[in-house]
Amino acid sequence: MDYQVYGEGEAKLAWLDQDIEIESADETADQGAVRLMQDIHERIVAGHFPVGHLKFLLNGNEQFSFTSTSGPE
Protein backbone atom coordinates (compact mmCIF):
# COMPACT_ATOMS: atom_id res chain seq x y z
CA MET A 1 0.00 0.00 0.00
CA ASP A 2 1.26 3.46 -0.88
CA TYR A 3 0.74 5.27 2.42
CA GLN A 4 1.52 8.66 0.95
CA VAL A 5 -1.31 8.30 -1.59
CA TYR A 6 -3.57 6.88 1.15
CA GLY A 7 -2.77 9.79 3.47
CA GLU A 8 -3.42 12.37 0.76
CA GLY A 9 -6.79 10.79 0.00
CA GLU A 10 -7.72 10.57 3.67
CA ALA A 11 -6.87 14.26 4.15
CA LYS A 12 -9.54 15.12 1.56
CA LEU A 13 -12.28 13.28 3.45
CA ALA A 14 -14.71 14.96 5.81
CA TRP A 15 -15.29 13.34 9.19
CA LEU A 16 -18.05 13.95 11.69
CA ASP A 17 -17.97 12.47 15.17
CA GLN A 18 -21.02 13.52 17.13
CA ASP A 19 -22.65 12.36 20.35
CA ILE A 20 -26.37 12.97 20.73
CA GLU A 21 -28.81 11.92 23.40
CA ILE A 22 -32.39 10.97 22.59
CA GLU A 23 -34.87 10.66 25.44
CA SER A 24 -38.54 9.79 25.55
CA ALA A 25 -41.12 9.71 28.33
CA ASP A 26 -42.60 6.45 27.01
CA GLU A 27 -39.27 4.59 26.70
CA THR A 28 -39.29 4.49 22.89
CA ALA A 29 -36.05 6.44 22.48
CA ASP A 30 -34.20 3.43 21.01
CA GLN A 31 -36.87 3.01 18.34
CA GLY A 32 -36.68 6.73 17.55
CA ALA A 33 -32.90 6.54 17.31
CA VAL A 34 -33.09 3.64 14.85
CA ARG A 35 -35.64 5.55 12.75
CA LEU A 36 -33.34 8.58 12.77
CA MET A 37 -30.37 6.46 11.62
CA GLN A 38 -32.42 4.93 8.81
CA ASP A 39 -33.71 8.35 7.74
CA ILE A 40 -30.20 9.81 7.61
CA HIS A 41 -29.05 6.88 5.48
CA GLU A 42 -32.06 7.14 3.15
CA ARG A 43 -31.49 10.86 2.63
CA ILE A 44 -27.81 10.31 1.84
CA VAL A 45 -28.71 7.66 -0.74
CA ALA A 46 -31.54 9.75 -2.24
CA GLY A 47 -29.24 12.77 -2.48
CA HIS A 48 -26.49 10.71 -4.12
CA PHE A 49 -23.99 12.06 -1.58
CA PRO A 50 -20.58 10.37 -1.75
CA VAL A 51 -20.53 8.83 1.72
CA GLY A 52 -18.41 5.73 1.90
CA HIS A 53 -19.26 4.59 5.41
CA LEU A 54 -21.81 5.73 7.95
CA LYS A 55 -21.61 4.24 11.42
CA PHE A 56 -23.79 4.70 14.49
CA LEU A 57 -23.32 3.36 17.99
CA LEU A 58 -26.52 2.96 20.03
CA ASN A 59 -26.27 2.94 23.82
CA GLY A 60 -22.51 2.66 23.60
CA ASN A 61 -22.47 -0.89 22.28
CA GLU A 62 -24.92 -1.71 19.47
CA GLN A 63 -23.38 -0.76 16.13
CA PHE A 64 -25.32 0.12 12.98
CA SER A 65 -23.24 0.44 9.84
CA PHE A 66 -24.27 1.59 6.38
CA THR A 67 -22.36 1.85 3.14
CA SER A 68 -23.39 3.94 0.16
CA THR A 69 -24.80 0.86 -1.58
CA SER A 70 -26.27 -1.11 1.30
CA GLY A 71 -28.79 -1.02 4.07
CA PRO A 72 -27.94 -1.55 7.72
CA GLU A 73 -25.34 -4.20 8.52
C-alpha atoms as a PDB file:
ATOM      1  CA  MET A   1       0.000   0.000   0.000  1.00  0.00           C
ATOM      2  CA  ASP A   2       1.263   3.455  -0.882  1.00  0.00           C
ATOM      3  CA  TYR A   3       0.737   5.270   2.424  1.00  0.00           C
ATOM      4  CA  GLN A   4       1.517   8.665   0.947  1.00  0.00           C
ATOM      5  CA  VAL A   5      -1.310   8.303  -1.586  1.00  0.00           C
ATOM      6  CA  TYR A   6      -3.573   6.884   1.150  1.00  0.00           C
ATOM      7  CA  GLY A   7      -2.767   9.786   3.473  1.00  0.00           C
ATOM      8  CA  GLU A   8      -3.416  12.367   0.762  1.00  0.00           C
ATOM      9  CA  GLY A   9      -6.792  10.788   0.001  1.00  0.00           C
ATOM     10  CA  GLU A  10      -7.719  10.565   3.672  1.00  0.00           C
ATOM     11  CA  ALA A  11      -6.872  14.256   4.147  1.00  0.00           C
ATOM     12  CA  LYS A  12      -9.541  15.117   1.564  1.00  0.00           C
ATOM     13  CA  LEU A  13     -12.281  13.278   3.448  1.00  0.00           C
ATOM     14  CA  ALA A  14     -14.707  14.955   5.814  1.00  0.00           C
ATOM     15  CA  TRP A  15     -15.288  13.342   9.193  1.00  0.00           C
ATOM     16  CA  LEU A  16     -18.051  13.949  11.687  1.00  0.00           C
ATOM     17  CA  ASP A  17     -17.975  12.466  15.168  1.00  0.00           C
ATOM     18  CA  GLN A  18     -21.024  13.522  17.127  1.00  0.00           C
ATOM     19  CA  ASP A  19     -22.654  12.358  20.350  1.00  0.00           C
ATOM     20  CA  ILE A  20     -26.371  12.965  20.725  1.00  0.00           C
ATOM     21  CA  GLU A  21     -28.809  11.924  23.396  1.00  0.00           C
ATOM     22  CA  ILE A  22     -32.391  10.973  22.592  1.00  0.00           C
ATOM     23  CA  GLU A  23     -34.867  10.663  25.440  1.00  0.00           C
ATOM     24  CA  SER A  24     -38.541   9.794  25.545  1.00  0.00           C
ATOM     25  CA  ALA A  25     -41.116   9.708  28.325  1.00  0.00           C
ATOM     26  CA  ASP A  26     -42.601   6.448  27.009  1.00  0.00           C
ATOM     27  CA  GLU A  27     -39.271   4.589  26.698  1.00  0.00           C
ATOM     28  CA  THR A  28     -39.287   4.489  22.887  1.00  0.00           C
ATOM     29  CA  ALA A  29     -36.046   6.436  22.475  1.00  0.00           C
ATOM     30  CA  ASP A  30     -34.201   3.428  21.010  1.00  0.00           C
ATOM     31  CA  GLN A  31     -36.869   3.010  18.338  1.00  0.00           C
ATOM     32  CA  GLY A  32     -36.682   6.730  17.548  1.00  0.00           C
ATOM     33  CA  ALA A  33     -32.901   6.540  17.308  1.00  0.00           C
ATOM     34  CA  VAL A  34     -33.091   3.641  14.846  1.00  0.00           C
ATOM     35  CA  ARG A  35     -35.642   5.546  12.748  1.00  0.00           C
ATOM     36  CA  LEU A  36     -33.340   8.578  12.766  1.00  0.00           C
ATOM     37  CA  MET A  37     -30.369   6.462  11.621  1.00  0.00           C
ATOM     38  CA  GLN A  38     -32.418   4.934   8.807  1.00  0.00           C
ATOM     39  CA  ASP A  39     -33.715   8.349   7.744  1.00  0.00           C
ATOM     40  CA  ILE A  40     -30.204   9.810   7.608  1.00  0.00           C
ATOM     41  CA  HIS A  41     -29.045   6.883   5.477  1.00  0.00           C
ATOM     42  CA  GLU A  42     -32.059   7.138   3.147  1.00  0.00           C
ATOM     43  CA  ARG A  43     -31.489  10.859   2.628  1.00  0.00           C
ATOM     44  CA  ILE A  44     -27.810  10.310   1.845  1.00  0.00           C
ATOM     45  CA  VAL A  45     -28.713   7.655  -0.745  1.00  0.00           C
ATOM     46  CA  ALA A  46     -31.541   9.749  -2.236  1.00  0.00           C
ATOM     47  CA  GLY A  47     -29.245  12.770  -2.485  1.00  0.00           C
ATOM     48  CA  HIS A  48     -26.489  10.707  -4.124  1.00  0.00           C
ATOM     49  CA  PHE A  49     -23.992  12.063  -1.582  1.00  0.00           C
ATOM     50  CA  PRO A  50     -20.581  10.370  -1.753  1.00  0.00           C
ATOM     51  CA  VAL A  51     -20.529   8.835   1.722  1.00  0.00           C
ATOM     52  CA  GLY A  52     -18.406   5.726   1.897  1.00  0.00           C
ATOM     53  CA  HIS A  53     -19.256   4.588   5.409  1.00  0.00           C
ATOM     54  CA  LEU A  54     -21.809   5.729   7.947  1.00  0.00           C
ATOM     55  CA  LYS A  55     -21.605   4.240  11.420  1.00  0.00           C
ATOM     56  CA  PHE A  56     -23.790   4.697  14.492  1.00  0.00           C
ATOM     57  CA  LEU A  57     -23.324   3.357  17.992  1.00  0.00           C
ATOM     58  CA  LEU A  58     -26.517   2.959  20.028  1.00  0.00           C
ATOM     59  CA  ASN A  59     -26.274   2.937  23.821  1.00  0.00           C
ATOM     60  CA  GLY A  60     -22.515   2.660  23.600  1.00  0.00           C
ATOM     61  CA  ASN A  61     -22.466  -0.895  22.282  1.00  0.00           C
ATOM     62  CA  GLU A  62     -24.920  -1.714  19.468  1.00  0.00           C
ATOM     63  CA  GLN A  63     -23.382  -0.755  16.127  1.00  0.00           C
ATOM     64  CA  PHE A  64     -25.319   0.124  12.984  1.00  0.00           C
ATOM     65  CA  SER A  65     -23.235   0.437   9.841  1.00  0.00           C
ATOM     66  CA  PHE A  66     -24.266   1.589   6.378  1.00  0.00           C
ATOM     67  CA  THR A  67     -22.355   1.853   3.138  1.00  0.00           C
ATOM     68  CA  SER A  68     -23.393   3.941   0.156  1.00  0.00           C
ATOM     69  CA  THR A  69     -24.805   0.862  -1.580  1.00  0.00           C
ATOM     70  CA  SER A  70     -26.270  -1.113   1.300  1.00  0.00           C
ATOM     71  CA  GLY A  71     -28.793  -1.024   4.070  1.00  0.00           C
ATOM     72  CA  PRO A  72     -27.936  -1.554   7.719  1.00  0.00           C
ATOM     73  CA  GLU A  73     -25.337  -4.204   8.521  1.00  0.00           C
END
